[in-house]
Amino acid sequence: MGKLNISQKDAYKLMLKEYPDIMTVEQMCEVLGISTKTGYRLLREKKICCLKVGRAYRIPKAHLFTYLCIGGEETSI
């Protein structure tokens, strides 16, 4: 397969347009196709960077792209 070079800025503009810039755990899990239990585990293990507002987690879309390795040097498709 070919390699696709895409910047994180371009990925941010193209992907997940229908989601807010700061997502909830439920929205993040929907995007990743995982259960909320798994989502909370990823956040607790600091595999996905997040913000904690009171008792609620908030995940910036840019941090989700970083977790998915989108917008790095090279991305394989």
Foldseek 3Di string as FASTA:
>chain_A
DDWDADALVRCVVVPPPVADQKDFLVVLCVVVVHDSVVSVVCVVVVLFDWDQDPNTTIHGPSSSCVSVVPRPGIDHD
